[in-house]
Every structure is written in structure tokens, then in C-alpha cells.
Amino acid sequence: MPFDRLVLAQALELLNFDEPMQGFVEHRDFVPWNLKRVPDGSLALLDWEWAASHSLPWQDICRFFYNQDALFKGHGRVWETLIGNQLLQRYRQRFAIPAEALPALTMHYLLRVLSMDWQSGNTGVAQCTFQQIQLLLGRYRKTQPKPWNHRSK
């Protein structure tokens, strides 16, 4: 991959949250066009062919917001939305996802998508994802000096 190896190394170091977390079923294609309102007024999620039965929490949330930003040429401030949105804060509380885990969970998603998009020839999307990796690293550094030296105990 033609991406800065120092940035990728720092991104890998951000995967430093070591506390146990509950497993999640991950849809892996959680986007608006896979949601359908059913007659009783609730929402149904369609297209489960990419689902993983044992995955990490937060991955579908990342997919939804990062995908929207990339496809609709958003503002690029997805991280701020992820940590500041009140509905997502309630989601994290409901599923006991600690705020300290969010950088690692989000970076896990971004690195996986970078690899998948690059391997499949989606170089434009891969470039966008790499920019999001750089943004997350830059924003996380502002709040946590040297996150790659911290290990949870």
C-alpha cells in the first residue's frame, strides 16, 4: 500500500485497549439503504450476507457514519460526531462500551476498511479512509499525549 508507514504504525499502536468487551453481531453493511420501515413502524435491517457473528462493538456505527461522510462528501469530522452525538452516547451506555475504548475500536474499523478497499481496487475510498486515519490520530493526540505509550491494565 502506498501509505505513510509511520502513520500506519501509529494507527496500529492506537489499538491499545486491552479490557475485555462483550462480543457483537456485526452487520458489516450498516448503511441507510439497508434499513426499512416495517408496517408496525419499527426499522428492519436488510442484507445480512456479510455479517459476522463474533465481532467487536462499534464497528457498524463506524461503517454508517464514515460511509456517509465518504459517499456524500461530508465535512470529514466523523470522529466528533461519533463521540458527541447524544444518541450514540446512549448506545454506548446501553452496551457498556467505555469511552476509552472508542479510539481503538474506531481505528480497528478504519484499518480494516483501508485494507479491504485497497485490495479490492477502491483506491479513492482507501485514500479517503487513510485521511480519516490521519485525522483520528491528530485529534486523539490533542486529547491524549502519546496514546501509543499507554496500556490499559
C-alpha atoms as a PDB file:
ATOM      1  CA  MET A   1       0.000   0.000   0.000  1.00  0.00           C
ATOM      2  CA  PRO A   2       1.345   3.428  -0.848  1.00  0.00           C
ATOM      3  CA  PHE A   3       0.532   4.953   2.518  1.00  0.00           C
ATOM      4  CA  ASP A   4       2.909   6.515   5.027  1.00  0.00           C
ATOM      5  CA  ARG A   5       4.238   3.629   7.132  1.00  0.00           C
ATOM      6  CA  LEU A   6       4.839   5.876  10.161  1.00  0.00           C
ATOM      7  CA  VAL A   7       1.163   6.872  10.154  1.00  0.00           C
ATOM      8  CA  LEU A   8       0.125   3.223   9.827  1.00  0.00           C
ATOM      9  CA  ALA A   9       2.445   2.236  12.688  1.00  0.00           C
ATOM     10  CA  GLN A  10       0.936   4.932  14.901  1.00  0.00           C
ATOM     11  CA  ALA A  11      -2.535   3.768  13.890  1.00  0.00           C
ATOM     12  CA  LEU A  12      -1.668   0.216  14.929  1.00  0.00           C
ATOM     13  CA  GLU A  13      -0.384   1.476  18.264  1.00  0.00           C
ATOM     14  CA  LEU A  14      -3.744   3.133  18.884  1.00  0.00           C
ATOM     15  CA  LEU A  15      -5.264  -0.364  19.052  1.00  0.00           C
ATOM     16  CA  ASN A  16      -4.212  -0.429  22.697  1.00  0.00           C
ATOM     17  CA  PHE A  17      -7.441  -1.015  24.605  1.00  0.00           C
ATOM     18  CA  ASP A  18      -6.927  -4.283  26.441  1.00  0.00           C
ATOM     19  CA  GLU A  19     -10.056  -4.564  28.596  1.00  0.00           C
ATOM     20  CA  PRO A  20     -12.492  -7.398  27.848  1.00  0.00           C
ATOM     21  CA  MET A  21     -15.626  -6.408  25.950  1.00  0.00           C
ATOM     22  CA  GLN A  22     -18.774  -8.270  25.040  1.00  0.00           C
ATOM     23  CA  GLY A  23     -18.947  -9.709  21.557  1.00  0.00           C
ATOM     24  CA  PHE A  24     -21.323  -8.258  18.998  1.00  0.00           C
ATOM     25  CA  VAL A  25     -23.027  -9.459  15.876  1.00  0.00           C
ATOM     26  CA  GLU A  26     -21.696  -7.137  13.196  1.00  0.00           C
ATOM     27  CA  HIS A  27     -23.846  -6.487  10.136  1.00  0.00           C
ATOM     28  CA  ARG A  28     -20.841  -5.115   8.159  1.00  0.00           C
ATOM     29  CA  ASP A  29     -23.032  -3.200   5.718  1.00  0.00           C
ATOM     30  CA  PHE A  30     -24.954  -0.946   8.085  1.00  0.00           C
ATOM     31  CA  VAL A  31     -25.952   1.895   5.764  1.00  0.00           C
ATOM     32  CA  PRO A  32     -29.232   3.795   5.278  1.00  0.00           C
ATOM     33  CA  TRP A  33     -30.298   1.845   2.177  1.00  0.00           C
ATOM     34  CA  ASN A  34     -30.224  -1.373   4.210  1.00  0.00           C
ATOM     35  CA  LEU A  35     -32.816  -0.021   6.660  1.00  0.00           C
ATOM     36  CA  LYS A  36     -36.535  -0.472   6.015  1.00  0.00           C
ATOM     37  CA  ARG A  37     -39.512   0.783   7.966  1.00  0.00           C
ATOM     38  CA  VAL A  38     -41.924  -2.098   8.552  1.00  0.00           C
ATOM     39  CA  PRO A  39     -45.724  -1.809   8.986  1.00  0.00           C
ATOM     40  CA  ASP A  40     -45.576  -1.593  12.791  1.00  0.00           C
ATOM     41  CA  GLY A  41     -43.342   1.495  12.495  1.00  0.00           C
ATOM     42  CA  SER A  42     -40.111  -0.153  13.610  1.00  0.00           C
ATOM     43  CA  LEU A  43     -36.976  -0.461  11.493  1.00  0.00           C
ATOM     44  CA  ALA A  44     -35.663  -3.675   9.976  1.00  0.00           C
ATOM     45  CA  LEU A  45     -32.097  -4.213   8.856  1.00  0.00           C
ATOM     46  CA  LEU A  46     -31.674  -5.935   5.473  1.00  0.00           C
ATOM     47  CA  ASP A  47     -28.820  -7.724   3.653  1.00  0.00           C
ATOM     48  CA  TRP A  48     -27.056  -9.811   6.256  1.00  0.00           C
ATOM     49  CA  GLU A  49     -24.762 -11.731   3.871  1.00  0.00           C
ATOM     50  CA  TRP A  50     -21.580 -10.026   5.188  1.00  0.00           C
ATOM     51  CA  ALA A  51     -22.498 -10.391   8.857  1.00  0.00           C
ATOM     52  CA  ALA A  52     -20.025 -11.678  11.445  1.00  0.00           C
ATOM     53  CA  SER A  53     -21.467 -13.415  14.484  1.00  0.00           C
ATOM     54  CA  HIS A  54     -18.476 -12.705  16.759  1.00  0.00           C
ATOM     55  CA  SER A  55     -17.134  -9.221  16.287  1.00  0.00           C
ATOM     56  CA  LEU A  56     -16.260  -6.066  18.135  1.00  0.00           C
ATOM     57  CA  PRO A  57     -18.766  -3.453  19.226  1.00  0.00           C
ATOM     58  CA  TRP A  58     -18.926  -0.070  17.471  1.00  0.00           C
ATOM     59  CA  GLN A  59     -17.956  -1.378  14.019  1.00  0.00           C
ATOM     60  CA  ASP A  60     -21.393  -0.918  12.441  1.00  0.00           C
ATOM     61  CA  ILE A  61     -21.642   2.574  13.916  1.00  0.00           C
ATOM     62  CA  CYS A  62     -18.325   3.449  12.294  1.00  0.00           C
ATOM     63  CA  ARG A  63     -19.465   1.946   8.986  1.00  0.00           C
ATOM     64  CA  PHE A  64     -22.635   4.023   8.994  1.00  0.00           C
ATOM     65  CA  PHE A  65     -21.012   7.389   9.722  1.00  0.00           C
ATOM     66  CA  TYR A  66     -17.718   7.021   7.852  1.00  0.00           C
ATOM     67  CA  ASN A  67     -19.500   5.638   4.795  1.00  0.00           C
ATOM     68  CA  GLN A  68     -21.958   8.550   4.771  1.00  0.00           C
ATOM     69  CA  ASP A  69     -19.100  11.025   5.009  1.00  0.00           C
ATOM     70  CA  ALA A  70     -17.145   9.416   2.152  1.00  0.00           C
ATOM     71  CA  LEU A  71     -20.075   8.876  -0.199  1.00  0.00           C
ATOM     72  CA  PHE A  72     -21.740  12.241   0.299  1.00  0.00           C
ATOM     73  CA  LYS A  73     -18.562  14.321   0.569  1.00  0.00           C
ATOM     74  CA  GLY A  74     -19.150  15.205   4.191  1.00  0.00           C
ATOM     75  CA  HIS A  75     -17.196  17.552   6.386  1.00  0.00           C
ATOM     76  CA  GLY A  76     -14.657  14.915   7.476  1.00  0.00           C
ATOM     77  CA  ARG A  77     -15.407  15.403  11.179  1.00  0.00           C
ATOM     78  CA  VAL A  78     -16.782  11.921  11.738  1.00  0.00           C
ATOM     79  CA  TRP A  79     -14.858  11.401  14.993  1.00  0.00           C
ATOM     80  CA  GLU A  80     -16.531  14.457  16.520  1.00  0.00           C
ATOM     81  CA  THR A  81     -19.930  13.074  15.520  1.00  0.00           C
ATOM     82  CA  LEU A  82     -19.121   9.657  16.958  1.00  0.00           C
ATOM     83  CA  ILE A  83     -18.109  10.987  20.363  1.00  0.00           C
ATOM     84  CA  GLY A  84     -20.524  13.924  20.581  1.00  0.00           C
ATOM     85  CA  ASN A  85     -23.816  12.514  19.315  1.00  0.00           C
ATOM     86  CA  GLN A  86     -26.257  12.026  22.206  1.00  0.00           C
ATOM     87  CA  LEU A  87     -27.926   9.001  20.620  1.00  0.00           C
ATOM     88  CA  LEU A  88     -24.534   7.316  20.235  1.00  0.00           C
ATOM     89  CA  GLN A  89     -23.699   8.173  23.846  1.00  0.00           C
ATOM     90  CA  ARG A  90     -26.873   6.355  24.940  1.00  0.00           C
ATOM     91  CA  TYR A  91     -25.938   3.436  22.668  1.00  0.00           C
ATOM     92  CA  ARG A  92     -22.512   3.201  24.344  1.00  0.00           C
ATOM     93  CA  GLN A  93     -24.104   3.310  27.794  1.00  0.00           C
ATOM     94  CA  ARG A  94     -26.664   0.646  26.913  1.00  0.00           C
ATOM     95  CA  PHE A  95     -23.979  -1.746  25.684  1.00  0.00           C
ATOM     96  CA  ALA A  96     -21.329  -0.772  28.281  1.00  0.00           C
ATOM     97  CA  ILE A  97     -18.803   0.459  25.709  1.00  0.00           C
ATOM     98  CA  PRO A  98     -16.312   2.603  27.633  1.00  0.00           C
ATOM     99  CA  ALA A  99     -15.303   5.931  26.104  1.00  0.00           C
ATOM    100  CA  GLU A 100     -11.646   4.881  26.493  1.00  0.00           C
ATOM    101  CA  ALA A 101     -12.248   2.058  24.002  1.00  0.00           C
ATOM    102  CA  LEU A 102     -13.575   4.283  21.216  1.00  0.00           C
ATOM    103  CA  PRO A 103     -10.255   5.311  19.633  1.00  0.00           C
ATOM    104  CA  ALA A 104      -9.118   1.685  19.405  1.00  0.00           C
ATOM    105  CA  LEU A 105     -12.480   0.405  18.155  1.00  0.00           C
ATOM    106  CA  THR A 106     -12.720   3.183  15.587  1.00  0.00           C
ATOM    107  CA  MET A 107      -9.145   2.684  14.407  1.00  0.00           C
ATOM    108  CA  HIS A 108      -9.778  -1.056  14.086  1.00  0.00           C
ATOM    109  CA  TYR A 109     -12.646  -0.277  11.735  1.00  0.00           C
ATOM    110  CA  LEU A 110     -10.631   2.248   9.696  1.00  0.00           C
ATOM    111  CA  LEU A 111      -7.616  -0.035   9.275  1.00  0.00           C
ATOM    112  CA  ARG A 112      -9.809  -2.954   8.221  1.00  0.00           C
ATOM    113  CA  VAL A 113     -11.639  -0.814   5.659  1.00  0.00           C
ATOM    114  CA  LEU A 114      -8.365   0.639   4.357  1.00  0.00           C
ATOM    115  CA  SER A 115      -7.027  -2.845   3.711  1.00  0.00           C
ATOM    116  CA  MET A 116     -10.249  -4.164   2.157  1.00  0.00           C
ATOM    117  CA  ASP A 117     -10.737  -1.157  -0.125  1.00  0.00           C
ATOM    118  CA  TRP A 118      -7.136  -1.116  -1.271  1.00  0.00           C
ATOM    119  CA  GLN A 119      -7.148  -4.845  -2.016  1.00  0.00           C
ATOM    120  CA  SER A 120     -10.394  -4.578  -3.980  1.00  0.00           C
ATOM    121  CA  GLY A 121      -9.136  -1.675  -6.096  1.00  0.00           C
ATOM    122  CA  ASN A 122     -11.229   1.047  -4.467  1.00  0.00           C
ATOM    123  CA  THR A 123      -8.232   3.355  -4.273  1.00  0.00           C
ATOM    124  CA  GLY A 124     -10.316   6.530  -3.954  1.00  0.00           C
ATOM    125  CA  VAL A 125     -12.177   5.182  -0.928  1.00  0.00           C
ATOM    126  CA  ALA A 126      -8.892   3.865   0.501  1.00  0.00           C
ATOM    127  CA  GLN A 127      -7.365   7.354   0.193  1.00  0.00           C
ATOM    128  CA  CYS A 128     -10.386   8.828   1.979  1.00  0.00           C
ATOM    129  CA  THR A 129     -10.058   6.216   4.732  1.00  0.00           C
ATOM    130  CA  PHE A 130      -6.345   6.961   5.131  1.00  0.00           C
ATOM    131  CA  GLN A 131      -7.197  10.636   5.566  1.00  0.00           C
ATOM    132  CA  GLN A 132      -9.676   9.669   8.289  1.00  0.00           C
ATOM    133  CA  ILE A 133      -6.935   7.627   9.988  1.00  0.00           C
ATOM    134  CA  GLN A 134      -4.682  10.690   9.952  1.00  0.00           C
ATOM    135  CA  LEU A 135      -7.500  12.868  11.311  1.00  0.00           C
ATOM    136  CA  LEU A 136      -8.246  10.437  14.133  1.00  0.00           C
ATOM    137  CA  LEU A 137      -4.573  10.246  15.065  1.00  0.00           C
ATOM    138  CA  GLY A 138      -4.298  14.043  15.052  1.00  0.00           C
ATOM    139  CA  ARG A 139      -7.427  14.556  17.113  1.00  0.00           C
ATOM    140  CA  TYR A 140      -6.567  11.815  19.564  1.00  0.00           C
ATOM    141  CA  ARG A 141      -3.083  13.243  20.083  1.00  0.00           C
ATOM    142  CA  LYS A 142      -4.663  16.559  21.099  1.00  0.00           C
ATOM    143  CA  THR A 143      -6.645  14.897  23.899  1.00  0.00           C
ATOM    144  CA  GLN A 144      -4.196  12.152  24.889  1.00  0.00           C
ATOM    145  CA  PRO A 145      -0.494  12.926  24.596  1.00  0.00           C
ATOM    146  CA  LYS A 146       1.354   9.919  23.178  1.00  0.00           C
ATOM    147  CA  PRO A 147      -1.548   7.399  23.152  1.00  0.00           C
ATOM    148  CA  TRP A 148       0.732   4.726  21.721  1.00  0.00           C
ATOM    149  CA  ASN A 149       2.665   4.554  25.013  1.00  0.00           C
ATOM    150  CA  HIS A 150      -0.421   3.956  27.164  1.00  0.00           C
ATOM    151  CA  ARG A 151      -1.594   0.457  28.014  1.00  0.00           C
ATOM    152  CA  SER A 152      -4.784  -0.266  29.909  1.00  0.00           C
ATOM    153  CA  LYS A 153      -4.339  -2.552  32.877  1.00  0.00           C
END
